[in-house]
Amino acid sequence: MIGTIAVVAARDLRLAMRRQADLVSVLFFFIIVASLFPLGIGPEPQLLKKLAPGVLWVGALLATMLSLPRLFADDYRDGTLEQLVLAPQPLGLTVIGKVLAHWLVSGLPLALLAPVLGLQFDLDADALAILTVSLLIGTPALSGIGAIGAALTLGLRGGGVLVSLL
């Protein structure tokens, strides 16, 4: 079982490394959201400290949503998804492998980048640690729940917009 997950995750990681522009766009979006928010809200340190976790969480959610439509779309277009469905391995393990790869490419870098961005909100070390741990726990859930939306809207035109609604 673990071998199936590892093979699918390794394949998707190799494919993701070929499209590094997708990874960079997710990270830059997160950085831009977290950096522009203090400029818009004002320089009050106490207010920024209060709003920082929510801003970084919403930024992580929106950045994760950018890459979700591509989770199954490339495999759907080239017929690989049909082959994965027909494979003797359980489909659930294949999906877990794809979600794991998505999290490693988008969720993990966001969680590791959050403490650096939290410094501009003047968060102390304890708050940064809690924020990082919460993102390390929560971003896999975002990838998993987002995979459901990506699968439901796979064959639709404008499915990326519907994923955000779902």
C-alpha atoms as a PDB file:
ATOM      1  CA  MET A   1       0.000   0.000   0.000  1.00  0.00           C
ATOM      2  CA  ILE A   2       2.736   2.460   0.935  1.00  0.00           C
ATOM      3  CA  GLY A   3       4.567   1.556  -2.262  1.00  0.00           C
ATOM      4  CA  THR A   4       1.608   2.628  -4.389  1.00  0.00           C
ATOM      5  CA  ILE A   5       1.356   5.953  -2.570  1.00  0.00           C
ATOM      6  CA  ALA A   6       5.121   6.491  -2.881  1.00  0.00           C
ATOM      7  CA  VAL A   7       5.178   5.713  -6.610  1.00  0.00           C
ATOM      8  CA  VAL A   8       2.273   8.040  -7.410  1.00  0.00           C
ATOM      9  CA  ALA A   9       3.680  10.795  -5.188  1.00  0.00           C
ATOM     10  CA  ALA A  10       7.161  10.456  -6.727  1.00  0.00           C
ATOM     11  CA  ARG A  11       5.679  10.635 -10.238  1.00  0.00           C
ATOM     12  CA  ASP A  12       3.679  13.750  -9.431  1.00  0.00           C
ATOM     13  CA  LEU A  13       6.688  15.353  -7.733  1.00  0.00           C
ATOM     14  CA  ARG A  14       8.800  14.740 -10.842  1.00  0.00           C
ATOM     15  CA  LEU A  15       6.098  16.297 -12.998  1.00  0.00           C
ATOM     16  CA  ALA A  16       5.810  19.261 -10.634  1.00  0.00           C
ATOM     17  CA  MET A  17       9.550  19.880 -10.772  1.00  0.00           C
ATOM     18  CA  ARG A  18       9.262  20.128 -14.552  1.00  0.00           C
ATOM     19  CA  ARG A  19       6.729  22.943 -14.104  1.00  0.00           C
ATOM     20  CA  GLN A  20       8.521  25.027 -11.516  1.00  0.00           C
ATOM     21  CA  ALA A  21       6.659  28.139 -12.634  1.00  0.00           C
ATOM     22  CA  ASP A  22       3.522  26.733 -10.957  1.00  0.00           C
ATOM     23  CA  LEU A  23       5.372  26.316  -7.672  1.00  0.00           C
ATOM     24  CA  VAL A  24       6.891  29.778  -7.859  1.00  0.00           C
ATOM     25  CA  SER A  25       3.543  31.398  -8.674  1.00  0.00           C
ATOM     26  CA  VAL A  26       1.959  29.840  -5.576  1.00  0.00           C
ATOM     27  CA  LEU A  27       4.790  31.051  -3.352  1.00  0.00           C
ATOM     28  CA  PHE A  28       4.846  34.548  -4.864  1.00  0.00           C
ATOM     29  CA  PHE A  29       1.086  34.851  -4.462  1.00  0.00           C
ATOM     30  CA  PHE A  30       1.403  33.953  -0.769  1.00  0.00           C
ATOM     31  CA  ILE A  31       4.242  36.441  -0.311  1.00  0.00           C
ATOM     32  CA  ILE A  32       2.325  39.213  -2.084  1.00  0.00           C
ATOM     33  CA  VAL A  33      -0.864  38.656  -0.064  1.00  0.00           C
ATOM     34  CA  ALA A  34       1.024  38.608   3.225  1.00  0.00           C
ATOM     35  CA  SER A  35       3.157  41.617   2.294  1.00  0.00           C
ATOM     36  CA  LEU A  36       0.434  43.883   0.939  1.00  0.00           C
ATOM     37  CA  PHE A  37      -1.977  43.358   3.806  1.00  0.00           C
ATOM     38  CA  PRO A  38       0.070  45.341   6.374  1.00  0.00           C
ATOM     39  CA  LEU A  39       0.339  48.177   3.874  1.00  0.00           C
ATOM     40  CA  GLY A  40      -3.431  48.275   3.482  1.00  0.00           C
ATOM     41  CA  ILE A  41      -4.376  47.935   7.148  1.00  0.00           C
ATOM     42  CA  GLY A  42      -1.893  50.425   8.583  1.00  0.00           C
ATOM     43  CA  PRO A  43       1.211  50.397  10.752  1.00  0.00           C
ATOM     44  CA  GLU A  44      -0.422  49.683  14.120  1.00  0.00           C
ATOM     45  CA  PRO A  45       1.622  46.795  15.623  1.00  0.00           C
ATOM     46  CA  GLN A  46      -1.095  45.543  17.976  1.00  0.00           C
ATOM     47  CA  LEU A  47      -3.663  45.309  15.193  1.00  0.00           C
ATOM     48  CA  LEU A  48      -1.197  43.567  12.900  1.00  0.00           C
ATOM     49  CA  LYS A  49      -0.358  41.029  15.629  1.00  0.00           C
ATOM     50  CA  LYS A  50      -4.051  40.251  16.067  1.00  0.00           C
ATOM     51  CA  LEU A  51      -4.735  39.851  12.355  1.00  0.00           C
ATOM     52  CA  ALA A  52      -1.530  38.052  11.336  1.00  0.00           C
ATOM     53  CA  PRO A  53      -2.617  34.421  11.836  1.00  0.00           C
ATOM     54  CA  GLY A  54      -5.868  34.962   9.948  1.00  0.00           C
ATOM     55  CA  VAL A  55      -4.153  36.819   7.124  1.00  0.00           C
ATOM     56  CA  LEU A  56      -1.513  34.110   6.723  1.00  0.00           C
ATOM     57  CA  TRP A  57      -4.128  31.347   6.861  1.00  0.00           C
ATOM     58  CA  VAL A  58      -6.308  33.017   4.240  1.00  0.00           C
ATOM     59  CA  GLY A  59      -3.236  33.644   2.118  1.00  0.00           C
ATOM     60  CA  ALA A  60      -2.271  29.966   2.401  1.00  0.00           C
ATOM     61  CA  LEU A  61      -5.814  28.909   1.494  1.00  0.00           C
ATOM     62  CA  LEU A  62      -5.918  31.133  -1.579  1.00  0.00           C
ATOM     63  CA  ALA A  63      -2.411  30.122  -2.663  1.00  0.00           C
ATOM     64  CA  THR A  64      -3.334  26.448  -2.338  1.00  0.00           C
ATOM     65  CA  MET A  65      -6.452  27.072  -4.402  1.00  0.00           C
ATOM     66  CA  LEU A  66      -4.282  28.317  -7.280  1.00  0.00           C
ATOM     67  CA  SER A  67      -2.731  24.902  -7.838  1.00  0.00           C
ATOM     68  CA  LEU A  68      -5.773  22.705  -7.154  1.00  0.00           C
ATOM     69  CA  PRO A  69      -7.301  22.750 -10.658  1.00  0.00           C
ATOM     70  CA  ARG A  70      -4.106  21.144 -12.004  1.00  0.00           C
ATOM     71  CA  LEU A  71      -4.206  18.299  -9.465  1.00  0.00           C
ATOM     72  CA  PHE A  72      -6.031  15.909 -11.806  1.00  0.00           C
ATOM     73  CA  ALA A  73      -6.363  17.990 -14.995  1.00  0.00           C
ATOM     74  CA  ASP A  74      -3.098  17.019 -16.712  1.00  0.00           C
ATOM     75  CA  ASP A  75      -3.695  13.314 -16.074  1.00  0.00           C
ATOM     76  CA  TYR A  76      -7.266  13.691 -17.307  1.00  0.00           C
ATOM     77  CA  ARG A  77      -6.164  15.369 -20.555  1.00  0.00           C
ATOM     78  CA  ASP A  78      -3.499  12.831 -21.487  1.00  0.00           C
ATOM     79  CA  GLY A  79      -5.433   9.715 -20.456  1.00  0.00           C
ATOM     80  CA  THR A  80      -3.242   8.801 -17.502  1.00  0.00           C
ATOM     81  CA  LEU A  81      -6.148   9.191 -15.107  1.00  0.00           C
ATOM     82  CA  GLU A  82      -8.094   6.488 -16.957  1.00  0.00           C
ATOM     83  CA  GLN A  83      -5.115   4.157 -16.632  1.00  0.00           C
ATOM     84  CA  LEU A  84      -4.833   4.908 -12.923  1.00  0.00           C
ATOM     85  CA  VAL A  85      -8.519   4.110 -12.458  1.00  0.00           C
ATOM     86  CA  LEU A  86      -8.111   0.798 -14.308  1.00  0.00           C
ATOM     87  CA  ALA A  87      -4.954  -0.178 -12.382  1.00  0.00           C
ATOM     88  CA  PRO A  88      -5.226  -3.057  -9.901  1.00  0.00           C
ATOM     89  CA  GLN A  89      -4.236  -0.799  -7.010  1.00  0.00           C
ATOM     90  CA  PRO A  90      -7.050   0.787  -5.009  1.00  0.00           C
ATOM     91  CA  LEU A  91      -8.010   4.193  -6.364  1.00  0.00           C
ATOM     92  CA  GLY A  92      -7.945   5.679  -2.883  1.00  0.00           C
ATOM     93  CA  LEU A  93      -4.224   4.991  -2.569  1.00  0.00           C
ATOM     94  CA  THR A  94      -3.599   6.711  -5.888  1.00  0.00           C
ATOM     95  CA  VAL A  95      -5.542   9.764  -4.756  1.00  0.00           C
ATOM     96  CA  ILE A  96      -3.647   9.829  -1.442  1.00  0.00           C
ATOM     97  CA  GLY A  97      -0.384   9.792  -3.393  1.00  0.00           C
ATOM     98  CA  LYS A  98      -1.526  12.670  -5.589  1.00  0.00           C
ATOM     99  CA  VAL A  99      -2.718  14.680  -2.582  1.00  0.00           C
ATOM    100  CA  LEU A 100       0.564  14.003  -0.777  1.00  0.00           C
ATOM    101  CA  ALA A 101       2.543  15.257  -3.775  1.00  0.00           C
ATOM    102  CA  HIS A 102       0.315  18.340  -4.015  1.00  0.00           C
ATOM    103  CA  TRP A 103       0.906  19.088  -0.344  1.00  0.00           C
ATOM    104  CA  LEU A 104       4.659  18.627  -0.672  1.00  0.00           C
ATOM    105  CA  VAL A 105       4.737  21.021  -3.619  1.00  0.00           C
ATOM    106  CA  SER A 106       2.339  23.690  -2.361  1.00  0.00           C
ATOM    107  CA  GLY A 107       1.376  23.241   1.299  1.00  0.00           C
ATOM    108  CA  LEU A 108       4.732  22.447   2.862  1.00  0.00           C
ATOM    109  CA  PRO A 109       6.583  25.410   1.292  1.00  0.00           C
ATOM    110  CA  LEU A 110       3.792  27.734   2.433  1.00  0.00           C
ATOM    111  CA  ALA A 111       3.999  26.427   5.997  1.00  0.00           C
ATOM    112  CA  LEU A 112       7.769  26.825   6.020  1.00  0.00           C
ATOM    113  CA  LEU A 113       7.569  30.338   4.559  1.00  0.00           C
ATOM    114  CA  ALA A 114       4.908  31.526   7.026  1.00  0.00           C
ATOM    115  CA  PRO A 115       7.292  32.253   9.949  1.00  0.00           C
ATOM    116  CA  VAL A 116       9.390  34.525   7.748  1.00  0.00           C
ATOM    117  CA  LEU A 117       6.269  36.404   6.655  1.00  0.00           C
ATOM    118  CA  GLY A 118       5.014  36.444  10.246  1.00  0.00           C
ATOM    119  CA  LEU A 119       8.008  38.567  11.197  1.00  0.00           C
ATOM    120  CA  GLN A 120       6.623  41.497   9.242  1.00  0.00           C
ATOM    121  CA  PHE A 121       3.547  41.320  11.467  1.00  0.00           C
ATOM    122  CA  ASP A 122       5.830  41.526  14.533  1.00  0.00           C
ATOM    123  CA  LEU A 123       4.831  38.103  15.859  1.00  0.00           C
ATOM    124  CA  ASP A 124       6.920  36.712  18.707  1.00  0.00           C
ATOM    125  CA  ALA A 125       8.677  33.328  18.574  1.00  0.00           C
ATOM    126  CA  ASP A 126       5.867  31.424  20.321  1.00  0.00           C
ATOM    127  CA  ALA A 127       3.221  32.774  17.959  1.00  0.00           C
ATOM    128  CA  LEU A 128       5.408  31.936  14.957  1.00  0.00           C
ATOM    129  CA  ALA A 129       5.875  28.372  16.205  1.00  0.00           C
ATOM    130  CA  ILE A 130       2.145  27.906  16.771  1.00  0.00           C
ATOM    131  CA  LEU A 131       1.369  29.383  13.347  1.00  0.00           C
ATOM    132  CA  THR A 132       3.863  27.075  11.650  1.00  0.00           C
ATOM    133  CA  VAL A 133       2.583  23.961  13.419  1.00  0.00           C
ATOM    134  CA  SER A 134      -1.026  24.879  12.652  1.00  0.00           C
ATOM    135  CA  LEU A 135      -0.168  25.343   8.974  1.00  0.00           C
ATOM    136  CA  LEU A 136       1.744  22.054   8.934  1.00  0.00           C
ATOM    137  CA  ILE A 137      -1.367  20.350  10.300  1.00  0.00           C
ATOM    138  CA  GLY A 138      -3.933  22.333   8.301  1.00  0.00           C
ATOM    139  CA  THR A 139      -2.441  22.494   4.815  1.00  0.00           C
ATOM    140  CA  PRO A 140      -2.757  18.718   4.240  1.00  0.00           C
ATOM    141  CA  ALA A 141      -6.443  19.121   5.034  1.00  0.00           C
ATOM    142  CA  LEU A 142      -6.657  21.947   2.489  1.00  0.00           C
ATOM    143  CA  SER A 143      -5.056  19.693  -0.121  1.00  0.00           C
ATOM    144  CA  GLY A 144      -7.363  16.795   0.735  1.00  0.00           C
ATOM    145  CA  ILE A 145     -10.570  18.804   0.731  1.00  0.00           C
ATOM    146  CA  GLY A 146      -9.446  20.680  -2.370  1.00  0.00           C
ATOM    147  CA  ALA A 147      -8.820  17.361  -4.140  1.00  0.00           C
ATOM    148  CA  ILE A 148     -12.507  16.548  -3.737  1.00  0.00           C
ATOM    149  CA  GLY A 149     -13.462  19.840  -5.374  1.00  0.00           C
ATOM    150  CA  ALA A 150     -10.865  19.380  -8.120  1.00  0.00           C
ATOM    151  CA  ALA A 151     -12.199  15.891  -8.865  1.00  0.00           C
ATOM    152  CA  LEU A 152     -15.822  17.058  -8.934  1.00  0.00           C
ATOM    153  CA  THR A 153     -15.085  19.873 -11.384  1.00  0.00           C
ATOM    154  CA  LEU A 154     -12.572  17.997 -13.529  1.00  0.00           C
ATOM    155  CA  GLY A 155     -14.424  17.885 -16.839  1.00  0.00           C
ATOM    156  CA  LEU A 156     -16.112  21.271 -16.563  1.00  0.00           C
ATOM    157  CA  ARG A 157     -15.148  24.473 -18.291  1.00  0.00           C
ATOM    158  CA  GLY A 158     -14.277  27.075 -15.688  1.00  0.00           C
ATOM    159  CA  GLY A 159     -13.839  24.367 -13.081  1.00  0.00           C
ATOM    160  CA  GLY A 160     -11.216  26.414 -11.252  1.00  0.00           C
ATOM    161  CA  VAL A 161     -13.848  28.953 -10.297  1.00  0.00           C
ATOM    162  CA  LEU A 162     -16.159  26.222  -9.065  1.00  0.00           C
ATOM    163  CA  VAL A 163     -13.401  24.707  -6.913  1.00  0.00           C
ATOM    164  CA  SER A 164     -13.243  27.944  -4.951  1.00  0.00           C
ATOM    165  CA  LEU A 165     -17.009  27.859  -4.425  1.00  0.00           C
ATOM    166  CA  LEU A 166     -16.946  24.259  -3.300  1.00  0.00           C
END
